[in-house]
N, C-alpha and C. Protein backbone atom coordinates (compact mmCIF):
# COMPACT_ATOMS: atom_id res chain seq x y z
N MET A 1 186.04 151.48 76.77
CA MET A 1 187.17 150.73 76.22
C MET A 1 187.00 150.58 74.71
N PHE A 2 188.14 150.43 74.05
CA PHE A 2 188.16 150.26 72.60
C PHE A 2 189.07 149.09 72.26
N THR A 3 189.04 148.68 70.98
CA THR A 3 189.84 147.52 70.57
C THR A 3 190.92 147.89 69.57
N GLY A 4 190.94 149.12 69.09
CA GLY A 4 191.94 149.51 68.11
C GLY A 4 191.63 149.08 66.70
N ILE A 5 190.38 148.64 66.46
CA ILE A 5 189.95 148.28 65.11
C ILE A 5 189.11 149.44 64.58
N VAL A 6 189.73 150.29 63.80
CA VAL A 6 189.09 151.49 63.28
C VAL A 6 188.00 151.10 62.29
N LYS A 7 186.84 151.75 62.40
CA LYS A 7 185.70 151.43 61.55
C LYS A 7 185.66 152.22 60.26
N GLY A 8 186.54 153.20 60.13
CA GLY A 8 186.59 153.96 58.90
C GLY A 8 187.12 155.36 59.14
N VAL A 9 187.29 156.08 58.04
CA VAL A 9 187.79 157.45 58.06
C VAL A 9 186.65 158.37 57.64
N PHE A 10 186.37 159.40 58.47
CA PHE A 10 185.25 160.29 58.20
C PHE A 10 185.68 161.73 58.48
N PRO A 11 185.08 162.69 57.79
CA PRO A 11 185.56 164.07 57.88
C PRO A 11 184.99 164.85 59.07
N VAL A 12 185.80 165.77 59.57
CA VAL A 12 185.31 166.76 60.53
C VAL A 12 184.38 167.69 59.76
N SER A 13 183.12 167.74 60.16
CA SER A 13 182.14 168.55 59.43
C SER A 13 182.07 169.98 59.94
N CYS A 14 182.47 170.19 61.20
CA CYS A 14 182.43 171.54 61.77
C CYS A 14 183.36 171.57 62.97
N ILE A 15 184.04 172.69 63.16
CA ILE A 15 184.88 172.84 64.34
C ILE A 15 184.82 174.29 64.79
N GLU A 16 184.63 174.46 66.09
CA GLU A 16 184.56 175.79 66.69
C GLU A 16 185.62 175.86 67.78
N SER A 17 186.64 176.65 67.53
CA SER A 17 187.75 176.76 68.48
C SER A 17 187.57 177.98 69.36
N LYS A 18 187.77 177.78 70.65
CA LYS A 18 187.75 178.85 71.62
C LYS A 18 189.08 178.81 72.37
N GLU A 19 189.27 179.65 73.34
CA GLU A 19 190.52 179.64 74.09
C GLU A 19 190.59 178.37 74.92
N GLN A 20 191.56 177.50 74.58
CA GLN A 20 191.82 176.26 75.31
C GLN A 20 190.59 175.33 75.34
N PHE A 21 189.80 175.35 74.28
CA PHE A 21 188.58 174.54 74.22
C PHE A 21 188.14 174.45 72.77
N ALA A 22 187.57 173.33 72.37
CA ALA A 22 187.06 173.20 71.01
C ALA A 22 185.82 172.31 71.00
N THR A 23 184.88 172.66 70.14
CA THR A 23 183.71 171.83 69.87
C THR A 23 183.81 171.38 68.42
N LEU A 24 183.74 170.08 68.20
CA LEU A 24 183.88 169.57 66.85
C LEU A 24 182.80 168.56 66.54
N SER A 25 182.44 168.50 65.27
CA SER A 25 181.46 167.53 64.79
C SER A 25 182.08 166.70 63.69
N VAL A 26 181.68 165.43 63.63
CA VAL A 26 182.17 164.51 62.61
C VAL A 26 180.97 163.91 61.89
N ALA A 27 181.04 163.88 60.58
CA ALA A 27 179.96 163.30 59.77
C ALA A 27 180.12 161.78 59.75
N LEU A 28 179.11 161.07 60.27
CA LEU A 28 179.17 159.62 60.34
C LEU A 28 178.02 158.98 59.57
N PRO A 29 178.23 157.80 59.02
CA PRO A 29 177.17 157.10 58.30
C PRO A 29 176.17 156.47 59.26
N ALA A 30 175.03 156.05 58.72
CA ALA A 30 173.94 155.52 59.55
C ALA A 30 174.36 154.33 60.38
N GLU A 31 175.23 153.45 59.84
CA GLU A 31 175.59 152.24 60.59
C GLU A 31 176.38 152.56 61.85
N LEU A 32 177.08 153.69 61.88
CA LEU A 32 177.82 154.06 63.08
C LEU A 32 176.99 154.92 64.03
N LEU A 33 175.82 155.36 63.59
CA LEU A 33 174.91 156.12 64.45
C LEU A 33 173.92 155.22 65.16
N LYS A 34 173.83 153.98 64.74
CA LYS A 34 172.85 153.05 65.30
C LYS A 34 173.05 152.86 66.80
N GLY A 35 171.99 153.11 67.58
CA GLY A 35 172.04 152.93 69.03
C GLY A 35 172.82 153.99 69.77
N LEU A 36 173.23 155.03 69.09
CA LEU A 36 174.03 156.08 69.73
C LEU A 36 173.19 156.90 70.70
N GLU A 37 173.79 157.28 71.82
CA GLU A 37 173.13 158.12 72.82
C GLU A 37 174.07 159.22 73.27
N THR A 38 173.50 160.33 73.70
CA THR A 38 174.31 161.38 74.31
C THR A 38 175.03 160.82 75.54
N GLY A 39 176.29 161.13 75.67
CA GLY A 39 177.09 160.58 76.77
C GLY A 39 177.89 159.35 76.39
N ALA A 40 177.64 158.81 75.20
CA ALA A 40 178.41 157.65 74.73
C ALA A 40 179.84 158.07 74.40
N SER A 41 180.72 157.10 74.34
CA SER A 41 182.12 157.36 74.03
C SER A 41 182.44 156.90 72.61
N ILE A 42 183.16 157.75 71.89
CA ILE A 42 183.66 157.43 70.55
C ILE A 42 185.12 157.86 70.50
N ALA A 43 185.96 157.05 69.87
CA ALA A 43 187.37 157.39 69.72
C ALA A 43 187.59 158.10 68.39
N ILE A 44 188.14 159.30 68.47
CA ILE A 44 188.53 160.08 67.29
C ILE A 44 190.04 160.13 67.25
N ASN A 45 190.63 159.53 66.21
CA ASN A 45 192.10 159.37 66.17
C ASN A 45 192.61 158.75 67.46
N GLY A 46 191.82 157.82 68.00
CA GLY A 46 192.22 157.11 69.21
C GLY A 46 191.94 157.82 70.50
N THR A 47 191.41 159.05 70.43
CA THR A 47 191.12 159.84 71.62
C THR A 47 189.67 159.63 72.04
N CYS A 48 189.45 159.16 73.25
CA CYS A 48 188.10 158.93 73.75
C CYS A 48 187.42 160.27 74.02
N LEU A 49 186.32 160.52 73.30
CA LEU A 49 185.54 161.73 73.51
C LEU A 49 184.09 161.36 73.80
N THR A 50 183.40 162.23 74.52
CA THR A 50 182.01 162.00 74.90
C THR A 50 181.07 162.71 73.93
N VAL A 51 180.07 161.99 73.47
CA VAL A 51 179.08 162.57 72.57
C VAL A 51 178.23 163.59 73.34
N THR A 52 178.21 164.82 72.85
CA THR A 52 177.39 165.86 73.50
C THR A 52 176.10 166.12 72.74
N ALA A 53 176.06 165.80 71.45
CA ALA A 53 174.84 165.97 70.64
C ALA A 53 175.03 165.20 69.34
N PHE A 54 173.91 164.87 68.69
CA PHE A 54 173.99 164.21 67.38
C PHE A 54 172.66 164.37 66.66
N ASN A 55 172.73 164.21 65.34
CA ASN A 55 171.53 164.16 64.51
C ASN A 55 171.68 163.00 63.54
N ASP A 56 170.98 163.03 62.43
CA ASP A 56 171.01 161.88 61.52
C ASP A 56 172.25 161.85 60.64
N SER A 57 173.18 162.78 60.83
CA SER A 57 174.39 162.77 60.00
C SER A 57 175.65 163.19 60.73
N ASP A 58 175.54 163.92 61.82
CA ASP A 58 176.72 164.46 62.50
C ASP A 58 176.69 164.17 63.99
N VAL A 59 177.88 163.95 64.56
CA VAL A 59 178.04 163.73 66.00
C VAL A 59 178.98 164.80 66.54
N THR A 60 178.61 165.38 67.69
CA THR A 60 179.35 166.53 68.24
C THR A 60 180.02 166.16 69.56
N PHE A 61 181.22 166.72 69.76
CA PHE A 61 182.03 166.45 70.94
C PHE A 61 182.66 167.75 71.41
N ASP A 62 183.04 167.79 72.69
CA ASP A 62 183.85 168.87 73.24
C ASP A 62 185.23 168.32 73.57
N ALA A 63 186.26 169.12 73.29
CA ALA A 63 187.64 168.74 73.63
C ALA A 63 188.22 169.81 74.54
N MET A 64 188.66 169.40 75.72
CA MET A 64 189.18 170.33 76.71
C MET A 64 190.66 170.65 76.43
N GLN A 65 191.18 171.57 77.24
CA GLN A 65 192.55 172.06 77.08
C GLN A 65 193.57 170.92 77.09
N GLU A 66 193.47 170.03 78.07
CA GLU A 66 194.45 168.96 78.20
C GLU A 66 194.40 168.02 76.99
N THR A 67 193.21 167.74 76.51
CA THR A 67 193.06 166.89 75.33
C THR A 67 193.72 167.54 74.12
N LEU A 68 193.50 168.82 73.93
CA LEU A 68 194.08 169.53 72.80
C LEU A 68 195.61 169.60 72.91
N ARG A 69 196.11 169.66 74.16
CA ARG A 69 197.56 169.76 74.37
C ARG A 69 198.26 168.44 74.06
N VAL A 70 197.68 167.34 74.51
CA VAL A 70 198.35 166.05 74.44
C VAL A 70 198.17 165.38 73.08
N THR A 71 197.08 165.63 72.39
CA THR A 71 196.73 164.92 71.17
C THR A 71 196.89 165.80 69.93
N ASN A 72 196.59 165.21 68.77
CA ASN A 72 196.60 165.97 67.53
C ASN A 72 195.25 166.57 67.18
N LEU A 73 194.29 166.51 68.10
CA LEU A 73 192.96 167.06 67.80
C LEU A 73 193.00 168.58 67.65
N GLY A 74 193.98 169.21 68.28
CA GLY A 74 194.11 170.66 68.12
C GLY A 74 194.53 171.06 66.73
N ASP A 75 195.00 170.10 65.92
CA ASP A 75 195.42 170.39 64.54
C ASP A 75 194.27 170.26 63.54
N LEU A 76 193.12 169.76 63.99
CA LEU A 76 192.03 169.46 63.06
C LEU A 76 191.42 170.73 62.49
N GLU A 77 190.96 170.62 61.26
CA GLU A 77 190.22 171.68 60.58
C GLU A 77 188.99 171.06 59.94
N GLN A 78 188.06 171.89 59.51
CA GLN A 78 186.89 171.39 58.81
C GLN A 78 187.34 170.62 57.58
N GLY A 79 186.82 169.41 57.42
CA GLY A 79 187.19 168.57 56.29
C GLY A 79 188.31 167.59 56.57
N THR A 80 189.03 167.77 57.69
CA THR A 80 190.11 166.84 58.03
C THR A 80 189.55 165.44 58.28
N PRO A 81 190.11 164.40 57.64
CA PRO A 81 189.65 163.03 57.89
C PRO A 81 190.20 162.51 59.21
N VAL A 82 189.38 161.78 59.95
CA VAL A 82 189.81 161.21 61.24
C VAL A 82 189.39 159.75 61.33
N ASN A 83 190.16 158.99 62.11
CA ASN A 83 189.80 157.60 62.39
C ASN A 83 188.70 157.56 63.44
N ILE A 84 187.73 156.67 63.22
CA ILE A 84 186.60 156.55 64.14
C ILE A 84 186.43 155.11 64.61
N GLU A 85 186.20 154.97 65.93
CA GLU A 85 185.80 153.68 66.51
C GLU A 85 184.77 153.91 67.59
N ARG A 86 183.65 153.20 67.51
CA ARG A 86 182.68 153.21 68.60
C ARG A 86 183.24 152.40 69.77
N ALA A 87 182.78 152.70 70.97
CA ALA A 87 183.23 151.96 72.15
C ALA A 87 182.86 150.48 72.04
N ALA A 88 183.72 149.63 72.58
CA ALA A 88 183.47 148.20 72.57
C ALA A 88 182.30 147.85 73.49
N ARG A 89 181.58 146.79 73.13
CA ARG A 89 180.48 146.29 73.95
C ARG A 89 180.80 144.87 74.39
N PHE A 90 180.24 144.46 75.52
CA PHE A 90 180.43 143.09 75.97
C PHE A 90 179.96 142.13 74.89
N GLY A 91 180.80 141.14 74.60
CA GLY A 91 180.48 140.17 73.58
C GLY A 91 181.09 140.46 72.23
N ASP A 92 181.63 141.70 72.06
CA ASP A 92 182.29 142.03 70.80
C ASP A 92 183.59 141.24 70.66
N GLU A 93 183.92 140.90 69.43
CA GLU A 93 185.21 140.29 69.15
C GLU A 93 186.31 141.34 69.29
N ILE A 94 187.37 141.00 70.00
CA ILE A 94 188.50 141.92 70.17
C ILE A 94 189.57 141.53 69.15
N GLY A 95 189.57 142.24 68.02
CA GLY A 95 190.49 141.91 66.96
C GLY A 95 191.86 142.55 67.14
N GLY A 96 191.94 143.61 67.95
CA GLY A 96 193.21 144.28 68.18
C GLY A 96 193.69 144.01 69.59
N HIS A 97 193.79 145.07 70.41
CA HIS A 97 194.07 144.91 71.84
C HIS A 97 193.31 145.99 72.58
N LEU A 98 193.11 145.78 73.87
CA LEU A 98 192.29 146.71 74.63
C LEU A 98 192.95 148.07 74.78
N LEU A 99 192.16 149.11 74.49
CA LEU A 99 192.64 150.48 74.58
C LEU A 99 191.70 151.28 75.46
N SER A 100 192.26 152.30 76.12
CA SER A 100 191.45 153.17 76.97
C SER A 100 190.97 154.41 76.22
N GLY A 101 191.69 154.76 75.14
CA GLY A 101 191.39 156.02 74.47
C GLY A 101 192.03 157.22 75.15
N HIS A 102 192.92 156.97 76.10
CA HIS A 102 193.64 158.03 76.80
C HIS A 102 195.04 158.14 76.18
N ILE A 103 195.25 159.18 75.43
CA ILE A 103 196.47 159.35 74.65
C ILE A 103 197.62 159.78 75.56
N HIS A 104 198.78 159.15 75.38
CA HIS A 104 199.96 159.50 76.18
C HIS A 104 200.74 160.67 75.59
N ASP A 105 200.81 160.72 74.25
CA ASP A 105 201.66 161.73 73.60
C ASP A 105 201.38 161.66 72.10
N THR A 106 202.06 162.51 71.35
CA THR A 106 202.05 162.37 69.89
C THR A 106 203.45 162.01 69.43
N VAL A 107 203.49 161.26 68.31
CA VAL A 107 204.74 160.95 67.64
C VAL A 107 204.69 161.56 66.25
N VAL A 108 205.84 161.69 65.61
CA VAL A 108 205.90 162.36 64.31
C VAL A 108 206.38 161.37 63.25
N ILE A 109 205.67 161.33 62.12
CA ILE A 109 206.09 160.47 61.02
C ILE A 109 207.42 160.97 60.46
N ASP A 110 208.40 160.08 60.45
CA ASP A 110 209.76 160.44 60.07
C ASP A 110 210.12 159.94 58.67
N GLU A 111 209.48 158.85 58.24
CA GLU A 111 209.79 158.26 56.94
C GLU A 111 208.65 157.32 56.55
N VAL A 112 208.34 157.27 55.26
CA VAL A 112 207.34 156.36 54.73
C VAL A 112 207.95 155.60 53.57
N ILE A 113 207.96 154.26 53.65
CA ILE A 113 208.51 153.42 52.59
C ILE A 113 207.37 152.57 52.04
N LYS A 114 207.09 152.71 50.74
CA LYS A 114 205.97 152.01 50.12
C LYS A 114 206.47 150.96 49.13
N THR A 115 205.85 149.78 49.20
CA THR A 115 206.05 148.72 48.22
C THR A 115 204.67 148.31 47.72
N PRO A 116 204.58 147.47 46.69
CA PRO A 116 203.26 147.09 46.17
C PRO A 116 202.32 146.49 47.20
N ASP A 117 202.84 145.73 48.17
CA ASP A 117 201.99 145.02 49.11
C ASP A 117 202.15 145.45 50.56
N ASN A 118 203.00 146.42 50.81
CA ASN A 118 203.30 146.75 52.20
C ASN A 118 203.76 148.21 52.28
N THR A 119 203.39 148.85 53.37
CA THR A 119 203.89 150.19 53.63
C THR A 119 204.50 150.20 55.03
N THR A 120 205.72 150.69 55.14
CA THR A 120 206.39 150.80 56.43
C THR A 120 206.49 152.27 56.80
N VAL A 121 206.01 152.59 57.99
CA VAL A 121 206.03 153.98 58.46
C VAL A 121 206.91 154.05 59.69
N PHE A 122 207.87 154.98 59.67
CA PHE A 122 208.77 155.20 60.80
C PHE A 122 208.32 156.45 61.56
N PHE A 123 208.41 156.37 62.88
CA PHE A 123 207.99 157.45 63.78
C PHE A 123 209.12 157.85 64.70
N ARG A 124 209.18 159.14 65.01
CA ARG A 124 210.08 159.62 66.05
C ARG A 124 209.26 159.87 67.31
N PHE A 125 209.79 159.47 68.47
CA PHE A 125 209.06 159.60 69.72
C PHE A 125 209.94 160.20 70.80
N ASP A 126 209.30 160.75 71.81
CA ASP A 126 210.00 161.31 72.96
C ASP A 126 210.66 160.17 73.74
N GLY A 127 211.93 160.36 74.10
CA GLY A 127 212.68 159.31 74.76
C GLY A 127 212.10 158.81 76.07
N ARG A 128 211.20 159.59 76.68
CA ARG A 128 210.63 159.13 77.96
C ARG A 128 209.76 157.89 77.80
N TRP A 129 209.38 157.56 76.54
CA TRP A 129 208.55 156.38 76.31
C TRP A 129 209.36 155.17 75.86
N SER A 130 210.68 155.28 75.85
CA SER A 130 211.51 154.23 75.26
C SER A 130 211.39 152.89 75.97
N ASP A 131 211.11 152.90 77.25
CA ASP A 131 210.98 151.63 77.99
C ASP A 131 209.74 150.85 77.59
N TYR A 132 208.77 151.51 76.96
CA TYR A 132 207.49 150.88 76.65
C TYR A 132 207.31 150.57 75.17
N ILE A 133 208.22 151.06 74.34
CA ILE A 133 208.12 150.83 72.89
C ILE A 133 209.13 149.76 72.53
N LEU A 134 208.66 148.53 72.40
CA LEU A 134 209.52 147.35 72.28
C LEU A 134 209.23 146.61 70.98
N PRO A 135 210.24 146.02 70.34
CA PRO A 135 210.01 145.26 69.12
C PRO A 135 208.95 144.17 69.33
N LYS A 136 208.01 144.11 68.41
CA LYS A 136 206.91 143.13 68.41
C LYS A 136 205.87 143.40 69.50
N GLY A 137 205.99 144.52 70.19
CA GLY A 137 204.99 144.87 71.19
C GLY A 137 203.79 145.56 70.57
N TYR A 138 202.70 145.64 71.33
CA TYR A 138 201.51 146.35 70.89
C TYR A 138 201.68 147.85 71.05
N ILE A 139 201.01 148.59 70.17
CA ILE A 139 200.96 150.04 70.28
C ILE A 139 199.69 150.50 69.58
N ALA A 140 199.20 151.66 69.95
CA ALA A 140 198.05 152.24 69.24
C ALA A 140 198.46 153.58 68.68
N LEU A 141 198.23 153.77 67.39
CA LEU A 141 198.57 155.00 66.69
C LEU A 141 197.33 155.54 65.98
N ASN A 142 196.92 156.74 66.36
CA ASN A 142 195.65 157.31 65.87
C ASN A 142 194.50 156.32 66.05
N GLY A 143 194.57 155.56 67.14
CA GLY A 143 193.50 154.62 67.46
C GLY A 143 193.60 153.27 66.80
N CYS A 144 194.64 153.03 65.99
CA CYS A 144 194.83 151.74 65.31
C CYS A 144 195.70 150.83 66.16
N SER A 145 195.21 149.64 66.42
CA SER A 145 196.02 148.65 67.12
C SER A 145 197.05 148.08 66.15
N LEU A 146 198.33 148.26 66.47
CA LEU A 146 199.40 147.85 65.56
C LEU A 146 200.52 147.15 66.34
N THR A 147 201.34 146.43 65.60
CA THR A 147 202.50 145.75 66.18
C THR A 147 203.75 146.51 65.78
N ILE A 148 204.59 146.79 66.75
CA ILE A 148 205.85 147.50 66.50
C ILE A 148 206.80 146.59 65.72
N GLY A 149 207.50 147.17 64.74
CA GLY A 149 208.46 146.41 63.95
C GLY A 149 209.72 146.08 64.73
N GLU A 150 210.62 145.37 64.06
CA GLU A 150 211.86 144.90 64.72
C GLU A 150 212.78 146.06 65.10
N GLU A 151 212.75 147.13 64.31
CA GLU A 151 213.72 148.20 64.50
C GLU A 151 213.20 149.27 65.45
N VAL A 152 213.74 149.31 66.65
CA VAL A 152 213.47 150.37 67.61
C VAL A 152 214.83 150.91 68.04
N LYS A 153 215.17 152.11 67.56
CA LYS A 153 216.53 152.62 67.78
C LYS A 153 216.53 154.13 67.68
N ASP A 154 217.29 154.77 68.57
CA ASP A 154 217.47 156.22 68.51
C ASP A 154 216.14 156.97 68.51
N ASN A 155 215.25 156.55 69.43
CA ASN A 155 213.93 157.19 69.57
C ASN A 155 213.13 157.14 68.26
N ARG A 156 213.26 156.02 67.56
CA ARG A 156 212.54 155.81 66.31
C ARG A 156 212.05 154.38 66.26
N PHE A 157 210.83 154.17 65.80
CA PHE A 157 210.30 152.82 65.61
C PHE A 157 209.48 152.81 64.32
N CYS A 158 209.12 151.61 63.89
CA CYS A 158 208.32 151.50 62.68
C CYS A 158 207.17 150.53 62.87
N VAL A 159 206.18 150.66 62.01
CA VAL A 159 205.10 149.68 61.90
C VAL A 159 204.93 149.34 60.43
N HIS A 160 204.44 148.13 60.17
CA HIS A 160 204.20 147.68 58.80
C HIS A 160 202.69 147.62 58.58
N LEU A 161 202.23 148.24 57.51
CA LEU A 161 200.80 148.39 57.26
C LEU A 161 200.40 147.67 55.97
N ILE A 162 199.37 146.83 56.08
CA ILE A 162 198.86 146.14 54.90
C ILE A 162 197.88 147.05 54.16
N PRO A 163 197.56 146.74 52.90
CA PRO A 163 196.65 147.60 52.13
C PRO A 163 195.30 147.83 52.80
N GLU A 164 194.76 146.83 53.52
CA GLU A 164 193.46 147.00 54.17
C GLU A 164 193.52 148.07 55.25
N THR A 165 194.61 148.11 56.01
CA THR A 165 194.78 149.15 57.03
C THR A 165 194.88 150.52 56.38
N LEU A 166 195.60 150.61 55.28
CA LEU A 166 195.73 151.89 54.57
C LEU A 166 194.38 152.35 54.06
N LYS A 167 193.54 151.41 53.62
CA LYS A 167 192.24 151.76 53.06
C LYS A 167 191.27 152.25 54.12
N LEU A 168 191.33 151.65 55.32
CA LEU A 168 190.33 151.92 56.35
C LEU A 168 190.73 152.99 57.35
N THR A 169 191.97 153.48 57.27
CA THR A 169 192.45 154.43 58.27
C THR A 169 193.12 155.63 57.59
N THR A 170 193.45 156.61 58.40
CA THR A 170 194.12 157.81 57.89
C THR A 170 195.55 157.54 57.43
N PHE A 171 196.09 156.35 57.72
CA PHE A 171 197.45 156.05 57.29
C PHE A 171 197.55 155.95 55.77
N GLY A 172 196.43 155.78 55.09
CA GLY A 172 196.45 155.81 53.64
C GLY A 172 196.79 157.18 53.09
N ARG A 173 196.73 158.22 53.95
CA ARG A 173 197.02 159.59 53.54
C ARG A 173 198.23 160.16 54.27
N CYS A 174 198.94 159.35 55.02
CA CYS A 174 199.98 159.87 55.91
C CYS A 174 201.15 160.46 55.13
N GLN A 175 201.76 161.47 55.74
CA GLN A 175 202.91 162.13 55.14
C GLN A 175 203.96 162.39 56.22
N VAL A 176 205.19 162.51 55.79
CA VAL A 176 206.28 162.85 56.71
C VAL A 176 205.95 164.18 57.38
N GLY A 177 206.15 164.22 58.69
CA GLY A 177 205.86 165.42 59.47
C GLY A 177 204.52 165.40 60.17
N ASP A 178 203.63 164.48 59.79
CA ASP A 178 202.32 164.38 60.45
C ASP A 178 202.49 163.99 61.91
N ARG A 179 201.69 164.61 62.77
CA ARG A 179 201.64 164.21 64.18
C ARG A 179 200.57 163.14 64.36
N VAL A 180 200.91 162.09 65.10
CA VAL A 180 200.02 160.94 65.27
C VAL A 180 199.88 160.67 66.76
N ASN A 181 198.64 160.39 67.19
CA ASN A 181 198.38 160.10 68.60
C ASN A 181 198.94 158.74 68.99
N LEU A 182 199.56 158.70 70.16
CA LEU A 182 200.20 157.49 70.69
C LEU A 182 199.53 157.07 71.98
N GLU A 183 199.09 155.81 72.04
CA GLU A 183 198.67 155.21 73.32
C GLU A 183 199.52 153.98 73.57
N ILE A 184 200.26 154.01 74.67
CA ILE A 184 201.09 152.89 75.08
C ILE A 184 200.19 151.74 75.55
N ASP A 185 200.57 150.52 75.23
CA ASP A 185 199.82 149.35 75.70
C ASP A 185 199.85 149.28 77.22
N SER A 186 198.68 149.20 77.83
CA SER A 186 198.58 149.27 79.29
C SER A 186 199.27 148.08 79.97
N GLN A 187 199.19 146.90 79.37
CA GLN A 187 199.84 145.74 79.98
C GLN A 187 201.35 145.87 79.93
N THR A 188 201.87 146.35 78.80
CA THR A 188 203.31 146.59 78.70
C THR A 188 203.75 147.60 79.75
N GLN A 189 202.97 148.67 79.88
CA GLN A 189 203.30 149.71 80.85
C GLN A 189 203.30 149.16 82.27
N ALA A 190 202.32 148.34 82.60
CA ALA A 190 202.23 147.78 83.95
C ALA A 190 203.41 146.87 84.25
N VAL A 191 203.78 146.01 83.29
CA VAL A 191 204.89 145.08 83.52
C VAL A 191 206.20 145.85 83.67
N VAL A 192 206.44 146.80 82.76
CA VAL A 192 207.69 147.57 82.81
C VAL A 192 207.79 148.36 84.11
N ASN A 193 206.69 149.00 84.50
CA ASN A 193 206.71 149.79 85.74
C ASN A 193 206.93 148.92 86.97
N THR A 194 206.36 147.72 86.96
CA THR A 194 206.54 146.80 88.08
C THR A 194 208.00 146.37 88.19
N VAL A 195 208.60 146.03 87.04
CA VAL A 195 210.01 145.62 87.05
C VAL A 195 210.91 146.77 87.48
N LYS A 196 210.65 147.96 86.97
CA LYS A 196 211.46 149.13 87.35
C LYS A 196 211.35 149.41 88.84
N SER A 197 210.13 149.30 89.38
CA SER A 197 209.94 149.53 90.80
C SER A 197 210.66 148.48 91.64
N TYR A 198 210.62 147.23 91.17
CA TYR A 198 211.29 146.14 91.88
C TYR A 198 212.79 146.35 91.91
N LEU A 199 213.36 146.71 90.74
CA LEU A 199 214.80 146.92 90.65
C LEU A 199 215.23 148.14 91.48
N LYS A 200 214.42 149.16 91.49
CA LYS A 200 214.73 150.36 92.24
C LYS A 200 214.76 150.10 93.73
N SER A 201 213.92 149.14 94.18
CA SER A 201 213.85 148.84 95.61
C SER A 201 215.10 148.12 96.10
N GLY A 202 215.87 147.56 95.15
CA GLY A 202 217.12 146.89 95.52
C GLY A 202 216.93 145.46 95.99
N ARG A 203 215.71 144.93 95.83
CA ARG A 203 215.48 143.55 96.25
C ARG A 203 216.06 142.59 95.22
N SER A 204 216.38 141.40 95.66
CA SER A 204 216.94 140.38 94.76
C SER A 204 216.28 139.04 95.05
């Protein structure tokens, strides 16, 4: 499990692409390597991956076909910056909301509006997720726990980003057309699915 509080942006140090499979390494600082073991989980752009090897500077992961299909990890190249979060531990403060690291889809940045103290980013999404993307609801984008803005219309929504979020995540480099990993809030999904199932059954 993860909390959606990204610990920083770090570069892909190596990537080896094969047919429907990729092995990638990310250069991490000593504080994020502390206590790390093979088999541990780390979220890369919000995608839960298993550590297959590591040394004093790099951590290596394998990404399977389905992961590459659903997420933006298939777009990565050597040097690409990615959001990183270590798995949550019992007793950790949950500053965002609980995430599984299982990406539902990607969304595309449609517009970026910058002001001195705030940046608003608009995303286009597949209409099949419209029941779960609600104003003021939780959402995870590239592993960042965020709150959806007031405007959700025509398969488009926005989030408002403070300077600290821009500094600590890849959103400080975002551009129109970028693909971003989307994880729907599990509690929202459960409530919506329950209501839809109830209404479908015809009970009153």
